[in-house]
Protein backbone atom coordinates (compact mmCIF):
# COMPACT_ATOMS: atom_id res chain seq x y z
CA MET A 1 0.00 0.00 0.00
CA PRO A 2 1.31 3.52 -0.74
CA HIS A 3 2.75 5.46 2.14
CA LEU A 4 3.80 8.99 2.93
CA THR A 5 7.12 10.39 1.85
CA ALA A 6 9.27 12.12 4.43
CA SER A 7 8.48 15.58 3.08
CA ALA A 8 4.75 14.92 3.25
CA ASP A 9 5.12 13.70 6.82
CA ALA A 10 6.75 16.98 7.79
CA ARG A 11 4.07 19.05 6.08
CA ARG A 12 1.24 17.22 7.82
CA ILE A 13 2.54 17.47 11.38
CA ALA A 14 3.80 21.04 11.08
CA GLY A 15 0.44 22.78 10.72
CA GLY A 16 -1.35 21.52 13.80
CA GLU A 17 -4.64 21.78 11.92
CA GLN A 18 -7.86 21.84 13.91
CA LEU A 19 -9.99 18.73 13.61
CA GLY A 20 -13.77 18.86 13.33
CA PHE A 21 -16.65 16.40 13.12
CA GLY A 22 -18.36 14.95 10.10
CA VAL A 23 -21.40 12.88 11.09
CA PRO A 24 -22.15 10.20 8.47
CA GLY A 25 -25.78 9.95 9.51
CA TYR A 26 -27.49 9.67 12.87
CA ALA A 27 -30.67 7.67 13.27
CA HIS A 28 -34.05 9.33 12.68
CA PRO A 29 -34.60 12.26 15.10
CA LEU A 30 -37.33 10.28 16.89
CA LEU A 31 -34.82 7.50 17.64
CA ALA A 32 -31.83 9.73 18.30
CA PRO A 33 -33.10 13.01 19.80
CA ALA A 34 -29.99 13.54 21.96
CA GLU A 35 -27.70 13.10 18.96
CA TRP A 36 -29.52 15.69 16.86
CA ALA A 37 -29.67 18.10 19.79
CA GLU A 38 -25.89 17.89 20.25
CA LEU A 39 -25.28 18.88 16.63
CA ALA A 40 -26.93 22.25 17.21
CA ARG A 41 -25.29 22.93 20.58
CA PRO A 42 -23.15 26.11 20.46
CA GLY A 43 -19.42 25.45 20.33
CA THR A 44 -19.61 21.93 18.88
CA PRO A 45 -16.85 21.77 16.23
CA LEU A 46 -19.13 20.39 13.52
CA HIS A 47 -18.17 20.52 9.86
CA TRP A 48 -21.24 18.72 8.56
CA ALA A 49 -23.89 16.11 9.35
CA VAL A 50 -25.85 13.84 7.01
CA LEU A 51 -29.64 13.63 6.88
CA ASN A 52 -30.87 10.21 5.72
CA ILE A 53 -34.59 9.48 5.99
CA ALA A 54 -35.09 6.30 3.95
CA ASN A 55 -31.77 5.78 2.19
CA GLY A 56 -32.47 9.20 0.70
CA PRO A 57 -35.05 11.96 1.19
CA GLY A 58 -38.08 9.68 1.56
CA SER A 59 -41.33 10.01 -0.35
CA ARG A 60 -42.57 13.16 1.40
CA PRO A 61 -41.28 15.74 3.89
CA ASP A 62 -40.87 14.30 7.39
CA PRO A 63 -41.94 16.81 10.09
CA HIS A 64 -39.39 15.54 12.63
CA CYS A 65 -36.57 15.82 10.10
CA LEU A 66 -37.78 19.26 9.05
CA GLU A 67 -37.50 20.38 12.68
CA ALA A 68 -34.02 18.89 13.11
CA ALA A 69 -32.86 20.44 9.84
CA GLY A 70 -34.18 23.83 10.91
CA ARG A 71 -32.34 23.70 14.25
CA LEU A 72 -29.05 22.86 12.58
CA ARG A 73 -29.53 25.54 9.95
CA ASN A 74 -30.23 28.12 12.65
CA ALA A 75 -27.14 27.01 14.58
CA ARG A 76 -25.04 27.51 11.46
CA GLU A 77 -26.47 30.99 10.98
CA ARG A 78 -25.58 31.88 14.57
CA ALA A 79 -22.05 30.57 14.08
CA LEU A 80 -21.56 32.50 10.85
CA HIS A 81 -23.18 35.79 11.81
CA GLY A 82 -22.91 35.91 15.59
CA GLU A 83 -20.00 37.05 17.70
CA THR A 84 -16.51 36.53 16.31
CA PRO A 85 -15.64 32.84 16.87
CA ASP A 86 -12.45 31.71 18.55
CA ASP A 87 -11.31 29.54 15.65
CA THR A 88 -12.08 28.72 12.03
CA VAL A 89 -13.76 25.42 12.86
CA ARG A 90 -16.54 27.09 14.83
CA ALA A 91 -16.65 29.91 12.29
CA SER A 92 -17.63 27.48 9.53
CA GLY A 93 -20.71 26.24 11.33
CA GLY A 94 -22.24 22.84 10.56
CA ARG A 95 -23.77 22.11 7.18
CA LEU A 96 -26.60 19.62 6.73
CA LEU A 97 -25.92 17.25 3.83
CA GLY A 98 -28.48 15.13 2.03
CA HIS A 99 -27.69 11.40 1.72
CA LEU A 100 -27.47 10.13 -1.86
CA ASP A 101 -26.69 6.41 -2.26
CA LEU A 102 -24.67 5.85 -5.44
CA ALA A 103 -24.70 2.04 -4.95
CA HIS A 104 -21.09 1.90 -6.19
CA GLY A 105 -22.10 3.59 -9.42
CA GLU A 106 -25.15 1.45 -10.20
CA ARG A 107 -27.95 3.98 -9.51
CA PRO A 108 -29.33 5.87 -12.53
CA PHE A 109 -28.37 9.51 -12.87
CA GLY A 110 -32.02 10.61 -13.08
CA GLU A 111 -32.94 8.93 -9.78
CA LEU A 112 -30.09 10.62 -7.97
CA ILE A 113 -30.99 14.05 -9.32
CA ALA A 114 -34.65 13.56 -8.36
CA ASP A 115 -33.58 12.70 -4.80
CA ALA A 116 -31.28 15.72 -4.76
CA ARG A 117 -34.08 18.06 -5.78
CA SER A 118 -36.33 16.67 -3.03
CA PHE A 119 -33.63 17.25 -0.42
CA ILE A 120 -33.16 20.83 -1.58
CA ASP A 121 -36.86 21.63 -1.86
CA TRP A 122 -37.96 20.01 1.41
CA TYR A 123 -35.00 20.33 3.78
CA ARG A 124 -32.96 23.22 2.34
CA ILE A 125 -29.78 21.21 2.75
CA GLY A 126 -26.35 22.74 2.27
CA GLY A 127 -24.75 19.95 0.28
CA PHE A 128 -24.70 16.21 -0.35
CA TYR A 129 -23.00 13.11 1.00
CA LEU A 130 -22.54 10.60 -1.82
CA ALA A 131 -22.60 7.26 0.00
CA ARG A 132 -21.09 4.13 -1.53
CA CYS A 133 -19.28 6.25 -4.08
CA PRO A 134 -17.20 4.21 -6.53
CA ALA A 135 -13.44 4.57 -6.29
CA ASP A 136 -12.17 3.19 -9.60
CA ARG A 137 -10.91 5.21 -12.54
CA ALA A 138 -13.54 3.88 -14.97
CA ARG A 139 -16.48 5.41 -13.08
CA LEU A 140 -14.85 8.80 -12.48
CA PRO A 141 -16.46 10.51 -15.52
CA ALA A 142 -19.95 9.53 -14.33
CA VAL A 143 -19.23 10.80 -10.82
CA ARG A 144 -17.86 14.06 -12.21
CA ARG A 145 -21.03 14.51 -14.27
CA LEU A 146 -23.13 13.95 -11.15
CA THR A 147 -21.13 16.28 -8.90
CA GLY A 148 -21.12 18.99 -11.54
CA THR A 149 -24.91 18.82 -11.76
CA LEU A 150 -25.27 18.80 -7.96
CA HIS A 151 -23.05 21.86 -7.63
CA ALA A 152 -25.25 23.63 -10.18
CA LEU A 153 -28.43 22.71 -8.27
CA LEU A 154 -26.92 23.90 -4.99
CA ALA A 155 -25.76 27.15 -6.57
CA GLU A 156 -29.38 27.86 -7.55
CA SER A 157 -30.60 27.15 -4.01
CA ASP A 158 -30.94 29.98 -1.50
CA SER A 159 -30.02 27.62 1.37
CA ALA A 160 -26.60 26.46 0.13
CA ASP A 161 -24.39 29.44 0.89
CA GLY A 162 -21.06 29.30 -0.88
CA GLY A 163 -22.40 26.86 -3.47
CA GLY A 164 -22.85 23.98 -1.03
CA ARG A 165 -20.53 21.13 -0.11
CA LEU A 166 -20.10 17.70 -1.72
CA VAL A 167 -18.53 14.79 0.14
CA LEU A 168 -17.69 11.50 -1.58
CA GLY A 169 -18.18 8.53 0.73
CA HIS A 170 -15.63 6.10 -0.70
CA GLY A 171 -14.48 4.68 2.62
CA THR A 172 -11.11 3.94 1.03
CA HIS A 173 -8.51 5.76 -1.06
CA PRO A 174 -9.96 6.24 -4.55
CA TYR A 175 -8.27 6.92 -7.86
CA PRO A 176 -6.59 10.35 -7.40
CA GLY A 177 -8.80 12.07 -9.97
CA TYR A 178 -11.75 11.93 -7.57
CA ALA A 179 -10.08 14.65 -5.48
CA GLU A 180 -11.04 17.15 -8.18
CA ALA A 181 -14.66 15.97 -8.35
CA ALA A 182 -15.85 17.13 -4.91
CA ASP A 183 -14.98 19.18 -1.85
CA GLN A 184 -14.02 16.29 0.42
CA LEU A 185 -13.34 12.55 0.23
CA VAL A 186 -13.92 9.94 2.95
CA THR A 187 -10.76 7.88 2.56
CA PHE A 188 -11.24 5.61 5.57
CA GLN A 189 -14.37 4.05 7.07
CA GLY A 190 -13.98 1.01 9.24
CA PRO A 191 -12.85 -0.44 12.59
CA TRP A 192 -10.12 0.84 14.87
CA THR A 193 -8.27 -2.46 14.56
CA ASP A 194 -7.64 -1.60 10.89
CA TYR A 195 -7.27 2.16 11.29
CA ARG A 196 -4.46 2.13 13.85
CA TRP A 197 -2.22 0.26 11.39
CA SER A 198 -3.49 1.92 8.21
CA GLN A 199 -1.38 3.82 5.72
CA VAL A 200 -2.31 6.76 3.55
CA ALA A 201 -2.07 7.05 -0.23
CA GLU A 202 0.92 9.15 -1.21
CA TRP A 203 -1.06 11.39 -3.59
CA THR A 204 -3.13 12.79 -0.71
CA ALA A 205 -0.10 14.82 0.43
CA ASP A 206 -0.80 17.22 -2.44
CA TYR A 207 -4.03 18.37 -0.73
CA PRO A 208 -4.80 20.11 2.58
CA PRO A 209 -6.44 18.23 5.49
CA GLU A 210 -9.88 19.78 4.89
CA ARG A 211 -10.14 17.62 1.76
CA PHE A 212 -10.25 14.31 3.69
CA ALA A 213 -12.43 12.63 6.32
CA HIS A 214 -12.02 9.47 8.39
CA PHE A 215 -14.81 7.51 10.13
CA VAL A 216 -13.66 4.94 12.69
CA HIS A 217 -15.75 2.69 14.93
CA GLY A 218 -14.69 0.54 17.86
CA VAL A 219 -12.21 3.15 19.16
CA PRO A 220 -11.71 2.57 22.91
CA ARG A 221 -11.70 5.66 25.13
CA THR A 222 -8.11 4.88 26.10
CA HIS A 223 -7.04 5.16 22.44
CA LEU A 224 -8.74 8.44 21.57
CA GLU A 225 -5.51 10.44 21.62
CA GLU A 226 -3.78 7.85 19.47
CA ALA A 227 -6.66 7.89 16.97
CA MET A 228 -6.48 11.67 16.67
CA ARG A 229 -2.73 11.45 16.11
CA VAL A 230 -3.32 8.99 13.28
CA ALA A 231 -5.89 11.33 11.70
CA ARG A 232 -3.53 14.32 11.87
CA TRP A 233 -0.56 12.29 10.65
CA GLN A 234 -2.55 11.02 7.67
CA GLY A 235 -3.84 14.48 6.83
CA ALA A 236 -7.55 14.17 7.67
CA GLY A 237 -9.28 17.35 8.84
CA THR A 238 -12.73 15.82 9.50
CA ILE A 239 -13.34 12.81 11.74
CA PHE A 240 -15.98 10.77 13.51
CA PHE A 241 -14.68 8.35 16.14
CA THR A 242 -16.93 6.12 18.23
CA ASP A 243 -16.51 3.27 20.69
CA ARG A 244 -19.61 1.63 19.23
CA ASN A 245 -19.28 -1.11 16.66
CA ASP A 246 -21.50 -2.91 14.18
CA ARG A 247 -22.50 -5.49 16.79
CA ASP A 248 -23.82 -3.10 19.45
CA GLY A 249 -27.45 -3.20 18.34
CA ARG A 250 -28.22 -0.12 20.43
CA SER A 251 -31.85 0.95 19.92
CA GLY A 252 -32.08 -1.63 17.18
CA GLN A 253 -29.32 0.07 15.19
CA SER A 254 -26.58 -2.00 13.57
CA ASP A 255 -24.87 1.13 12.21
CA PRO A 256 -22.14 2.10 14.71
CA PHE A 257 -22.33 5.74 13.56
CA ALA A 258 -26.09 6.09 14.19
CA ALA A 259 -25.65 7.09 17.85
CA LEU A 260 -23.34 9.20 19.98
CA PRO A 261 -20.15 7.60 21.27
CA SER A 262 -20.18 7.14 25.03
CA TYR A 263 -17.27 9.61 25.30
CA TRP A 264 -18.87 12.40 23.23
CA ASP A 265 -18.24 15.12 25.83
CA GLU A 266 -14.60 14.11 26.11
CA ILE A 267 -13.86 14.08 22.39
CA VAL A 268 -15.62 17.44 21.93
CA SER A 269 -13.46 18.93 24.69
CA ARG A 270 -10.30 17.47 23.11
CA ILE A 271 -11.09 18.96 19.70
CA GLY A 272 -12.74 22.23 20.65
CA PRO A 273 -14.49 23.83 23.60
CA GLY A 274 -16.39 21.79 26.15
CA ILE A 275 -20.10 21.60 25.32
CA SER A 276 -20.97 23.20 28.64
CA GLU A 277 -19.15 26.43 27.73
């Protein structure tokens, strides 16, 4: 597997970049009210969170999701236009992204655009998370066509300030050309047992940390500091770490990222201000 060169190592550790959270998708607000409330809490270093109703926007607007989306949108407005923030992470506020499942490139373009329009019209989202995004060179042109169209739709929307944000949910290092197709790439999604020994593709050293995100489950509390060191060393600016795993079954959820980690307060305080401040 490719690894970092010495010069890239030095560049990554020299900046001391601030980490922030990307939330790949909490459970429905009825099942995870505490999780959605935390996203809108002042001072939480949130980059973005994904709204996923029924593997997409659903068939009609959901009143509970509309309420959660409104709270997060209002929190972003306060972060952007309130008092001068202490750092750039809090200044950015948290965007709400609509979940689009690419099914590794198998979903028709028209279906994806229809879902995107529903997300924009109903929930006034600020971007999209493209789940199960392909990573191979052959499918790059189709993904570029999709992201170009999504950027155009977001630019026409009055809710997506700055043209919106697109995140490609590969979960692994894709062909390098994907870095020019979206704002951010998820280059790791998996268990801590793999992450702590993982290596990073050499080409990623050509991009700043805000272009990459890592999602890791099964991270013990005692290894939080080590996990954050790995993220910084590998050049990821957005993270979501949890001690939950895909066997927890909490509240009937098999997705380890659908609920808060048990050490949420601690990881927030390590990254940014404590949530009580």
